[in-house]
Amino acid sequence: MTDITVEQLKAKLDNKEEVLLIDVREAWEYEEFNIGAKLIPLGELQGAVDDLDDWIEKEVVVYCKSGARSAAAKDYMIKQGFKNVRNLIGGMIAWQAQFS
């Protein structure tokens, strides 16, 4: 699955499309700024994927500050059998530059 731009994600959210957003940053980063995603810090993802079984076939978008941690999260989730995981290109830095 290809990664997703902030513009593409914003359009999906505006259209109320079904997509699971996962923020893999740390809690303090999430508290500073977030777009309403489920917070699962990268270090906790391994223990949390079992709770996401309903999304194994559906679209999941992972993001972090710049895209590096979420790229690792995407790779991990694909290895766990998730079929449609996309990394938000540029992460929250790109989102805030575009929409703040």
PDB file of N, CA and C in Angstrom:
ATOM      1  N   MET A   1       0.846  -1.192   0.000  1.00  0.00           N
ATOM      2  CA  MET A   1       0.000   0.000   0.000  1.00  0.00           C
ATOM      3  C   MET A   1       0.882   1.243   0.000  1.00  0.00           C
ATOM      4  N   THR A   2       0.497   2.204  -0.790  1.00  0.00           N
ATOM      5  CA  THR A   2       1.290   3.431  -0.849  1.00  0.00           C
ATOM      6  C   THR A   2       1.039   4.293   0.379  1.00  0.00           C
ATOM      7  N   ASP A   3       1.987   5.134   0.679  1.00  0.00           N
ATOM      8  CA  ASP A   3       1.833   6.053   1.794  1.00  0.00           C
ATOM      9  C   ASP A   3       0.854   7.155   1.398  1.00  0.00           C
ATOM     10  N   ILE A   4       0.532   8.025   2.347  1.00  0.00           N
ATOM     11  CA  ILE A   4      -0.518   9.010   2.134  1.00  0.00           C
ATOM     12  C   ILE A   4       0.002  10.405   2.478  1.00  0.00           C
ATOM     13  N   THR A   5      -0.415  11.394   1.694  1.00  0.00           N
ATOM     14  CA  THR A   5      -0.020  12.778   1.970  1.00  0.00           C
ATOM     15  C   THR A   5      -0.994  13.397   2.968  1.00  0.00           C
ATOM     16  N   VAL A   6      -0.585  14.514   3.559  1.00  0.00           N
ATOM     17  CA  VAL A   6      -1.475  15.186   4.510  1.00  0.00           C
ATOM     18  C   VAL A   6      -2.748  15.668   3.804  1.00  0.00           C
ATOM     19  N   GLU A   7      -2.620  16.075   2.555  1.00  0.00           N
ATOM     20  CA  GLU A   7      -3.803  16.529   1.815  1.00  0.00           C
ATOM     21  C   GLU A   7      -4.778  15.378   1.578  1.00  0.00           C
ATOM     22  N   GLN A   8      -4.249  14.214   1.217  1.00  0.00           N
ATOM     23  CA  GLN A   8      -5.112  13.046   0.993  1.00  0.00           C
ATOM     24  C   GLN A   8      -5.813  12.633   2.288  1.00  0.00           C
ATOM     25  N   LEU A   9      -5.067  12.648   3.398  1.00  0.00           N
ATOM     26  CA  LEU A   9      -5.668  12.267   4.673  1.00  0.00           C
ATOM     27  C   LEU A   9      -6.728  13.263   5.093  1.00  0.00           C
ATOM     28  N   LYS A  10      -6.443  14.551   4.938  1.00  0.00           N
ATOM     29  CA  LYS A  10      -7.427  15.575   5.315  1.00  0.00           C
ATOM     30  C   LYS A  10      -8.713  15.381   4.514  1.00  0.00           C
ATOM     31  N   ALA A  11      -8.607  15.070   3.234  1.00  0.00           N
ATOM     32  CA  ALA A  11      -9.791  14.838   2.404  1.00  0.00           C
ATOM     33  C   ALA A  11     -10.582  13.626   2.921  1.00  0.00           C
ATOM     34  N   LYS A  12      -9.887  12.565   3.300  1.00  0.00           N
ATOM     35  CA  LYS A  12     -10.563  11.378   3.849  1.00  0.00           C
ATOM     36  C   LYS A  12     -11.303  11.730   5.135  1.00  0.00           C
ATOM     37  N   LEU A  13     -10.653  12.488   6.010  1.00  0.00           N
ATOM     38  CA  LEU A  13     -11.281  12.862   7.276  1.00  0.00           C
ATOM     39  C   LEU A  13     -12.472  13.786   7.036  1.00  0.00           C
ATOM     40  N   ASP A  14     -12.313  14.734   6.124  1.00  0.00           N
ATOM     41  CA  ASP A  14     -13.414  15.650   5.808  1.00  0.00           C
ATOM     42  C   ASP A  14     -14.612  14.906   5.232  1.00  0.00           C
ATOM     43  N   ASN A  15     -14.335  13.839   4.468  1.00  0.00           N
ATOM     44  CA  ASN A  15     -15.401  13.033   3.865  1.00  0.00           C
ATOM     45  C   ASN A  15     -15.919  11.949   4.800  1.00  0.00           C
ATOM     46  N   LYS A  16     -15.385  11.938   6.028  1.00  0.00           N
ATOM     47  CA  LYS A  16     -15.782  10.969   7.052  1.00  0.00           C
ATOM     48  C   LYS A  16     -15.615   9.512   6.584  1.00  0.00           C
ATOM     49  N   GLU A  17     -14.549   9.268   5.820  1.00  0.00           N
ATOM     50  CA  GLU A  17     -14.241   7.904   5.386  1.00  0.00           C
ATOM     51  C   GLU A  17     -13.769   7.091   6.585  1.00  0.00           C
ATOM     52  N   GLU A  18     -13.999   5.783   6.519  1.00  0.00           N
ATOM     53  CA  GLU A  18     -13.587   4.909   7.613  1.00  0.00           C
ATOM     54  C   GLU A  18     -12.090   4.648   7.511  1.00  0.00           C
ATOM     55  N   VAL A  19     -11.360   5.186   8.457  1.00  0.00           N
ATOM     56  CA  VAL A  19      -9.917   5.006   8.509  1.00  0.00           C
ATOM     57  C   VAL A  19      -9.509   5.049   9.980  1.00  0.00           C
ATOM     58  N   LEU A  20      -8.626   4.147  10.372  1.00  0.00           N
ATOM     59  CA  LEU A  20      -8.105   4.160  11.737  1.00  0.00           C
ATOM     60  C   LEU A  20      -6.812   4.953  11.741  1.00  0.00           C
ATOM     61  N   LEU A  21      -6.789   6.013  12.541  1.00  0.00           N
ATOM     62  CA  LEU A  21      -5.582   6.829  12.695  1.00  0.00           C
ATOM     63  C   LEU A  21      -4.853   6.369  13.946  1.00  0.00           C
ATOM     64  N   ILE A  22      -3.572   6.080  13.797  1.00  0.00           N
ATOM     65  CA  ILE A  22      -2.752   5.710  14.954  1.00  0.00           C
ATOM     66  C   ILE A  22      -1.566   6.656  15.037  1.00  0.00           C
ATOM     67  N   ASP A  23      -1.467   7.339  16.176  1.00  0.00           N
ATOM     68  CA  ASP A  23      -0.354   8.243  16.463  1.00  0.00           C
ATOM     69  C   ASP A  23       0.659   7.448  17.265  1.00  0.00           C
ATOM     70  N   VAL A  24       1.867   7.263  16.719  1.00  0.00           N
ATOM     71  CA  VAL A  24       2.882   6.460  17.409  1.00  0.00           C
ATOM     72  C   VAL A  24       3.908   7.321  18.147  1.00  0.00           C
ATOM     73  N   ARG A  25       3.578   8.588  18.343  1.00  0.00           N
ATOM     74  CA  ARG A  25       4.460   9.453  19.118  1.00  0.00           C
ATOM     75  C   ARG A  25       4.288   9.160  20.615  1.00  0.00           C
ATOM     76  N   GLU A  26       5.062   9.856  21.430  1.00  0.00           N
ATOM     77  CA  GLU A  26       4.939   9.723  22.878  1.00  0.00           C
ATOM     78  C   GLU A  26       3.765  10.573  23.367  1.00  0.00           C
ATOM     79  N   ALA A  27       3.276  10.257  24.564  1.00  0.00           N
ATOM     80  CA  ALA A  27       2.095  10.941  25.106  1.00  0.00           C
ATOM     81  C   ALA A  27       2.278  12.453  25.175  1.00  0.00           C
ATOM     82  N   TRP A  28       3.473  12.912  25.576  1.00  0.00           N
ATOM     83  CA  TRP A  28       3.679  14.355  25.687  1.00  0.00           C
ATOM     84  C   TRP A  28       3.597  15.035  24.327  1.00  0.00           C
ATOM     85  N   GLU A  29       4.021  14.358  23.259  1.00  0.00           N
ATOM     86  CA  GLU A  29       3.926  14.932  21.913  1.00  0.00           C
ATOM     87  C   GLU A  29       2.450  15.013  21.496  1.00  0.00           C
ATOM     88  N   TYR A  30       1.713  13.954  21.823  1.00  0.00           N
ATOM     89  CA  TYR A  30       0.290  13.883  21.505  1.00  0.00           C
ATOM     90  C   TYR A  30      -0.468  15.001  22.220  1.00  0.00           C
ATOM     91  N   GLU A  31      -0.107  15.237  23.487  1.00  0.00           N
ATOM     92  CA  GLU A  31      -0.779  16.281  24.267  1.00  0.00           C
ATOM     93  C   GLU A  31      -0.518  17.663  23.694  1.00  0.00           C
ATOM     94  N   GLU A  32       0.656  17.884  23.121  1.00  0.00           N
ATOM     95  CA  GLU A  32       0.983  19.188  22.535  1.00  0.00           C
ATOM     96  C   GLU A  32       0.144  19.474  21.306  1.00  0.00           C
ATOM     97  N   PHE A  33      -0.078  18.449  20.460  1.00  0.00           N
ATOM     98  CA  PHE A  33      -0.853  18.614  19.229  1.00  0.00           C
ATOM     99  C   PHE A  33      -1.234  17.249  18.698  1.00  0.00           C
ATOM    100  N   ASN A  34      -2.519  17.077  18.377  1.00  0.00           N
ATOM    101  CA  ASN A  34      -2.939  15.825  17.752  1.00  0.00           C
ATOM    102  C   ASN A  34      -4.158  16.082  16.874  1.00  0.00           C
ATOM    103  N   ILE A  35      -4.474  15.117  16.022  1.00  0.00           N
ATOM    104  CA  ILE A  35      -5.612  15.253  15.107  1.00  0.00           C
ATOM    105  C   ILE A  35      -6.685  14.204  15.416  1.00  0.00           C
ATOM    106  N   GLY A  36      -6.706  13.780  16.693  1.00  0.00           N
ATOM    107  CA  GLY A  36      -7.767  12.892  17.129  1.00  0.00           C
ATOM    108  C   GLY A  36      -7.515  11.411  16.919  1.00  0.00           C
ATOM    109  N   ALA A  37      -6.272  11.038  16.724  1.00  0.00           N
ATOM    110  CA  ALA A  37      -5.929   9.637  16.487  1.00  0.00           C
ATOM    111  C   ALA A  37      -5.908   8.847  17.787  1.00  0.00           C
ATOM    112  N   LYS A  38      -5.858   7.528  17.641  1.00  0.00           N
ATOM    113  CA  LYS A  38      -5.635   6.632  18.770  1.00  0.00           C
ATOM    114  C   LYS A  38      -4.146   6.697  19.081  1.00  0.00           C
ATOM    115  N   LEU A  39      -3.792   6.999  20.322  1.00  0.00           N
ATOM    116  CA  LEU A  39      -2.388   7.098  20.717  1.00  0.00           C
ATOM    117  C   LEU A  39      -1.867   5.718  21.109  1.00  0.00           C
ATOM    118  N   ILE A  40      -0.891   5.230  20.336  1.00  0.00           N
ATOM    119  CA  ILE A  40      -0.179   3.995  20.675  1.00  0.00           C
ATOM    120  C   ILE A  40       1.305   4.272  20.410  1.00  0.00           C
ATOM    121  N   PRO A  41       2.042   4.723  21.440  1.00  0.00           N
ATOM    122  CA  PRO A  41       3.466   4.997  21.225  1.00  0.00           C
ATOM    123  C   PRO A  41       4.165   3.792  20.600  1.00  0.00           C
ATOM    124  N   LEU A  42       5.127   4.057  19.736  1.00  0.00           N
ATOM    125  CA  LEU A  42       5.801   2.993  18.989  1.00  0.00           C
ATOM    126  C   LEU A  42       6.268   1.862  19.899  1.00  0.00           C
ATOM    127  N   GLY A  43       6.799   2.196  21.056  1.00  0.00           N
ATOM    128  CA  GLY A  43       7.291   1.188  21.987  1.00  0.00           C
ATOM    129  C   GLY A  43       6.204   0.287  22.550  1.00  0.00           C
ATOM    130  N   GLU A  44       4.945   0.709  22.437  1.00  0.00           N
ATOM    131  CA  GLU A  44       3.819  -0.068  22.958  1.00  0.00           C
ATOM    132  C   GLU A  44       3.034  -0.772  21.856  1.00  0.00           C
ATOM    133  N   LEU A  45       3.418  -0.549  20.612  1.00  0.00           N
ATOM    134  CA  LEU A  45       2.640  -1.082  19.485  1.00  0.00           C
ATOM    135  C   LEU A  45       2.585  -2.602  19.485  1.00  0.00           C
ATOM    136  N   GLN A  46       3.693  -3.242  19.798  1.00  0.00           N
ATOM    137  CA  GLN A  46       3.738  -4.701  19.780  1.00  0.00           C
ATOM    138  C   GLN A  46       2.673  -5.300  20.692  1.00  0.00           C
ATOM    139  N   GLY A  47       2.452  -4.693  21.854  1.00  0.00           N
ATOM    140  CA  GLY A  47       1.451  -5.201  22.788  1.00  0.00           C
ATOM    141  C   GLY A  47       0.037  -4.777  22.466  1.00  0.00           C
ATOM    142  N   ALA A  48      -0.116  -3.862  21.510  1.00  0.00           N
ATOM    143  CA  ALA A  48      -1.440  -3.309  21.216  1.00  0.00           C
ATOM    144  C   ALA A  48      -2.077  -3.849  19.941  1.00  0.00           C
ATOM    145  N   VAL A  49      -1.296  -4.468  19.048  1.00  0.00           N
ATOM    146  CA  VAL A  49      -1.863  -4.865  17.749  1.00  0.00           C
ATOM    147  C   VAL A  49      -2.966  -5.907  17.872  1.00  0.00           C
ATOM    148  N   ASP A  50      -2.910  -6.735  18.899  1.00  0.00           N
ATOM    149  CA  ASP A  50      -3.963  -7.746  19.058  1.00  0.00           C
ATOM    150  C   ASP A  50      -5.341  -7.103  19.239  1.00  0.00           C
ATOM    151  N   ASP A  51      -5.370  -5.906  19.797  1.00  0.00           N
ATOM    152  CA  ASP A  51      -6.637  -5.202  20.007  1.00  0.00           C
ATOM    153  C   ASP A  51      -7.160  -4.556  18.728  1.00  0.00           C
ATOM    154  N   LEU A  52      -6.384  -4.621  17.648  1.00  0.00           N
ATOM    155  CA  LEU A  52      -6.746  -3.950  16.398  1.00  0.00           C
ATOM    156  C   LEU A  52      -7.190  -4.933  15.319  1.00  0.00           C
ATOM    157  N   ASP A  53      -7.504  -6.169  15.714  1.00  0.00           N
ATOM    158  CA  ASP A  53      -7.860  -7.207  14.736  1.00  0.00           C
ATOM    159  C   ASP A  53      -8.985  -6.788  13.791  1.00  0.00           C
ATOM    160  N   ASP A  54      -9.921  -5.979  14.276  1.00  0.00           N
ATOM    161  CA  ASP A  54     -11.041  -5.541  13.429  1.00  0.00           C
ATOM    162  C   ASP A  54     -10.556  -4.739  12.226  1.00  0.00           C
ATOM    163  N   TRP A  55      -9.340  -4.213  12.304  1.00  0.00           N
ATOM    164  CA  TRP A  55      -8.813  -3.342  11.259  1.00  0.00           C
ATOM    165  C   TRP A  55      -7.831  -4.050  10.332  1.00  0.00           C
ATOM    166  N   ILE A  56      -7.663  -5.345  10.467  1.00  0.00           N
ATOM    167  CA  ILE A  56      -6.625  -6.061   9.709  1.00  0.00           C
ATOM    168  C   ILE A  56      -6.812  -5.931   8.200  1.00  0.00           C
ATOM    169  N   GLU A  57      -8.050  -5.792   7.732  1.00  0.00           N
ATOM    170  CA  GLU A  57      -8.342  -5.650   6.302  1.00  0.00           C
ATOM    171  C   GLU A  57      -8.671  -4.204   5.912  1.00  0.00           C
ATOM    172  N   LYS A  58      -8.866  -3.340   6.900  1.00  0.00           N
ATOM    173  CA  LYS A  58      -9.317  -1.967   6.631  1.00  0.00           C
ATOM    174  C   LYS A  58      -8.134  -0.999   6.580  1.00  0.00           C
ATOM    175  N   GLU A  59      -8.427   0.222   6.176  1.00  0.00           N
ATOM    176  CA  GLU A  59      -7.368   1.228   6.045  1.00  0.00           C
ATOM    177  C   GLU A  59      -6.930   1.765   7.403  1.00  0.00           C
ATOM    178  N   VAL A  60      -5.616   1.703   7.619  1.00  0.00           N
ATOM    179  CA  VAL A  60      -4.993   2.221   8.835  1.00  0.00           C
ATOM    180  C   VAL A  60      -3.938   3.232   8.408  1.00  0.00           C
ATOM    181  N   VAL A  61      -3.953   4.415   9.027  1.00  0.00           N
ATOM    182  CA  VAL A  61      -2.925   5.420   8.761  1.00  0.00           C
ATOM    183  C   VAL A  61      -2.152   5.642  10.052  1.00  0.00           C
ATOM    184  N   VAL A  62      -0.838   5.452   9.978  1.00  0.00           N
ATOM    185  CA  VAL A  62       0.026   5.686  11.136  1.00  0.00           C
ATOM    186  C   VAL A  62       0.823   6.961  10.903  1.00  0.00           C
ATOM    187  N   TYR A  63       1.059   7.688  11.987  1.00  0.00           N
ATOM    188  CA  TYR A  63       1.873   8.895  11.854  1.00  0.00           C
ATOM    189  C   TYR A  63       2.641   9.168  13.137  1.00  0.00           C
ATOM    190  N   CYS A  64       3.682   9.990  12.984  1.00  0.00           N
ATOM    191  CA  CYS A  64       4.489  10.448  14.111  1.00  0.00           C
ATOM    192  C   CYS A  64       4.846  11.909  13.843  1.00  0.00           C
ATOM    193  N   LYS A  65       5.976  12.371  14.348  1.00  0.00           N
ATOM    194  CA  LYS A  65       6.364  13.761  14.142  1.00  0.00           C
ATOM    195  C   LYS A  65       6.782  14.012  12.700  1.00  0.00           C
ATOM    196  N   SER A  66       7.658  13.125  12.160  1.00  0.00           N
ATOM    197  CA  SER A  66       8.200  13.381  10.821  1.00  0.00           C
ATOM    198  C   SER A  66       7.984  12.245   9.830  1.00  0.00           C
ATOM    199  N   GLY A  67       7.656  11.059  10.326  1.00  0.00           N
ATOM    200  CA  GLY A  67       7.424   9.930   9.442  1.00  0.00           C
ATOM    201  C   GLY A  67       8.353   8.746   9.653  1.00  0.00           C
ATOM    202  N   ALA A  68       9.398   8.901  10.486  1.00  0.00           N
ATOM    203  CA  ALA A  68      10.355   7.809  10.686  1.00  0.00           C
ATOM    204  C   ALA A  68       9.793   6.721  11.603  1.00  0.00           C
ATOM    205  N   ARG A  69       9.274   7.111  12.768  1.00  0.00           N
ATOM    206  CA  ARG A  69       8.712   6.118  13.683  1.00  0.00           C
ATOM    207  C   ARG A  69       7.491   5.443  13.071  1.00  0.00           C
ATOM    208  N   SER A  70       6.693   6.218  12.358  1.00  0.00           N
ATOM    209  CA  SER A  70       5.496   5.621  11.759  1.00  0.00           C
ATOM    210  C   SER A  70       5.855   4.684  10.608  1.00  0.00           C
ATOM    211  N   ALA A  71       6.982   4.915   9.938  1.00  0.00           N
ATOM    212  CA  ALA A  71       7.433   3.971   8.904  1.00  0.00           C
ATOM    213  C   ALA A  71       7.759   2.626   9.556  1.00  0.00           C
ATOM    214  N   ALA A  72       8.401   2.671  10.722  1.00  0.00           N
ATOM    215  CA  ALA A  72       8.700   1.441  11.458  1.00  0.00           C
ATOM    216  C   ALA A  72       7.409   0.766  11.915  1.00  0.00           C
ATOM    217  N   ALA A  73       6.442   1.567  12.365  1.00  0.00           N
ATOM    218  CA  ALA A  73       5.151   1.023  12.797  1.00  0.00           C
ATOM    219  C   ALA A  73       4.425   0.362  11.631  1.00  0.00           C
ATOM    220  N   LYS A  74       4.455   1.002  10.469  1.00  0.00           N
ATOM    221  CA  LYS A  74       3.825   0.432   9.273  1.00  0.00           C
ATOM    222  C   LYS A  74       4.447  -0.919   8.942  1.00  0.00           C
ATOM    223  N   ASP A  75       5.777  -0.974   8.903  1.00  0.00           N
ATOM    224  CA  ASP A  75       6.466  -2.227   8.585  1.00  0.00           C
ATOM    225  C   ASP A  75       6.079  -3.326   9.570  1.00  0.00           C
ATOM    226  N   TYR A  76       6.036  -2.983  10.855  1.00  0.00           N
ATOM    227  CA  TYR A  76       5.685  -3.963  11.877  1.00  0.00           C
ATOM    228  C   TYR A  76       4.255  -4.469  11.673  1.00  0.00           C
ATOM    229  N   MET A  77       3.332  -3.556  11.443  1.00  0.00           N
ATOM    230  CA  MET A  77       1.924  -3.949  11.292  1.00  0.00           C
ATOM    231  C   MET A  77       1.719  -4.831  10.059  1.00  0.00           C
ATOM    232  N   ILE A  78       2.413  -4.522   8.977  1.00  0.00           N
ATOM    233  CA  ILE A  78       2.314  -5.355   7.769  1.00  0.00           C
ATOM    234  C   ILE A  78       2.831  -6.763   8.074  1.00  0.00           C
ATOM    235  N   LYS A  79       3.912  -6.842   8.824  1.00  0.00           N
ATOM    236  CA  LYS A  79       4.451  -8.162   9.203  1.00  0.00           C
ATOM    237  C   LYS A  79       3.478  -8.930  10.092  1.00  0.00           C
ATOM    238  N   GLN A  80       2.601  -8.206  10.789  1.00  0.00           N
ATOM    239  CA  GLN A  80       1.600  -8.843  11.648  1.00  0.00           C
ATOM    240  C   GLN A  80       0.324  -9.196  10.882  1.00  0.00           C
ATOM    241  N   GLY A  81       0.318  -8.929   9.573  1.00  0.00           N
ATOM    242  CA  GLY A  81      -0.815  -9.341   8.749  1.00  0.00           C
ATOM    243  C   GLY A  81      -1.775  -8.246   8.335  1.00  0.00           C
ATOM    244  N   PHE A  82      -1.522  -7.003   8.747  1.00  0.00           N
ATOM    245  CA  PHE A  82      -2.395  -5.903   8.334  1.00  0.00           C
ATOM    246  C   PHE A  82      -2.212  -5.658   6.838  1.00  0.00           C
ATOM    247  N   LYS A  83      -3.325  -5.490   6.131  1.00  0.00           N
ATOM    248  CA  LYS A  83      -3.310  -5.452   4.671  1.00  0.00           C
ATOM    249  C   LYS A  83      -3.240  -4.047   4.076  1.00  0.00           C
ATOM    250  N   ASN A  84      -3.623  -3.026   4.850  1.00  0.00           N
ATOM    251  CA  ASN A  84      -3.819  -1.696   4.265  1.00  0.00           C
ATOM    252  C   ASN A  84      -3.300  -0.613   5.208  1.00  0.00           C
ATOM    253  N   VAL A  85      -1.988  -0.651   5.499  1.00  0.00           N
ATOM    254  CA  VAL A  85      -1.379   0.326   6.409  1.00  0.00           C
ATOM    255  C   VAL A  85      -0.642   1.369   5.587  1.00  0.00           C
ATOM    256  N   ARG A  86      -0.901   2.620   5.899  1.00  0.00           N
ATOM    257  CA  ARG A  86      -0.257   3.727   5.180  1.00  0.00           C
ATOM    258  C   ARG A  86       0.432   4.653   6.171  1.00  0.00           C
ATOM    259  N   ASN A  87       1.591   5.137   5.791  1.00  0.00           N
ATOM    260  CA  ASN A  87       2.356   6.071   6.610  1.00  0.00           C
ATOM    261  C   ASN A  87       2.037   7.490   6.132  1.00  0.00           C
ATOM    262  N   LEU A  88       1.774   8.392   7.070  1.00  0.00           N
ATOM    263  CA  LEU A  88       1.519   9.793   6.720  1.00  0.00           C
ATOM    264  C   LEU A  88       2.858  10.462   6.403  1.00  0.00           C
ATOM    265  N   ILE A  89       3.034  10.825   5.140  1.00  0.00           N
ATOM    266  CA  ILE A  89       4.289  11.416   4.673  1.00  0.00           C
ATOM    267  C   ILE A  89       4.520  12.765   5.362  1.00  0.00           C
ATOM    268  N   GLY A  90       5.661  12.881   6.039  1.00  0.00           N
ATOM    269  CA  GLY A  90       6.003  14.137   6.710  1.00  0.00           C
ATOM    270  C   GLY A  90       5.418  14.289   8.096  1.00  0.00           C
ATOM    271  N   GLY A  91       4.525  13.384   8.489  1.00  0.00           N
ATOM    272  CA  GLY A  91       3.972  13.379   9.839  1.00  0.00           C
ATOM    273  C   GLY A  91       3.310  14.683  10.249  1.00  0.00           C
ATOM    274  N   MET A  92       3.332  14.934  11.550  1.00  0.00           N
ATOM    275  CA  MET A  92       2.670  16.125  12.096  1.00  0.00           C
ATOM    276  C   MET A  92       3.385  17.411  11.712  1.00  0.00           C
ATOM    277  N   ILE A  93       4.668  17.323  11.382  1.00  0.00           N
ATOM    278  CA  ILE A  93       5.367  18.521  10.897  1.00  0.00           C
ATOM    279  C   ILE A  93       4.703  18.990   9.602  1.00  0.00           C
ATOM    280  N   ALA A  94       4.474  18.058   8.682  1.00  0.00           N
ATOM    281  CA  ALA A  94       3.840  18.404   7.409  1.00  0.00           C
ATOM    282  C   ALA A  94       2.396  18.845   7.622  1.00  0.00           C
ATOM    283  N   TRP A  95       1.681  18.167   8.519  1.00  0.00           N
ATOM    284  CA  TRP A  95       0.266  18.514   8.778  1.00  0.00           C
ATOM    285  C   TRP A  95       0.175  19.955   9.282  1.00  0.00           C
ATOM    286  N   GLN A  96       1.002  20.291  10.282  1.00  0.00           N
ATOM    287  CA  GLN A  96       0.937  21.636  10.852  1.00  0.00           C
ATOM    288  C   GLN A  96       1.393  22.692   9.851  1.00  0.00           C
ATOM    289  N   ALA A  97       2.364  22.356   9.014  1.00  0.00           N
ATOM    290  CA  ALA A  97       2.825  23.320   8.000  1.00  0.00           C
ATOM    291  C   ALA A  97       1.713  23.601   7.002  1.00  0.00           C
ATOM    292  N   GLN A  98       0.903  22.585   6.698  1.00  0.00           N
ATOM    293  CA  GLN A  98      -0.132  22.715   5.696  1.00  0.00           C
ATOM    294  C   GLN A  98      -1.432  23.320   6.245  1.00  0.00           C
ATOM    295  N   PHE A  99      -1.799  22.954   7.478  1.00  0.00           N
ATOM    296  CA  PHE A  99      -3.142  23.279   7.963  1.00  0.00           C
ATOM    297  C   PHE A  99      -3.189  24.154   9.196  1.00  0.00           C
ATOM    298  N   SER A 100      -2.056  24.592   9.747  1.00  0.00           N
ATOM    299  CA  SER A 100      -2.101  25.425  10.953  1.00  0.00           C
ATOM    300  C   SER A 100      -1.847  26.889  10.635  1.00  0.00           C
TER     301      SER A 100
END
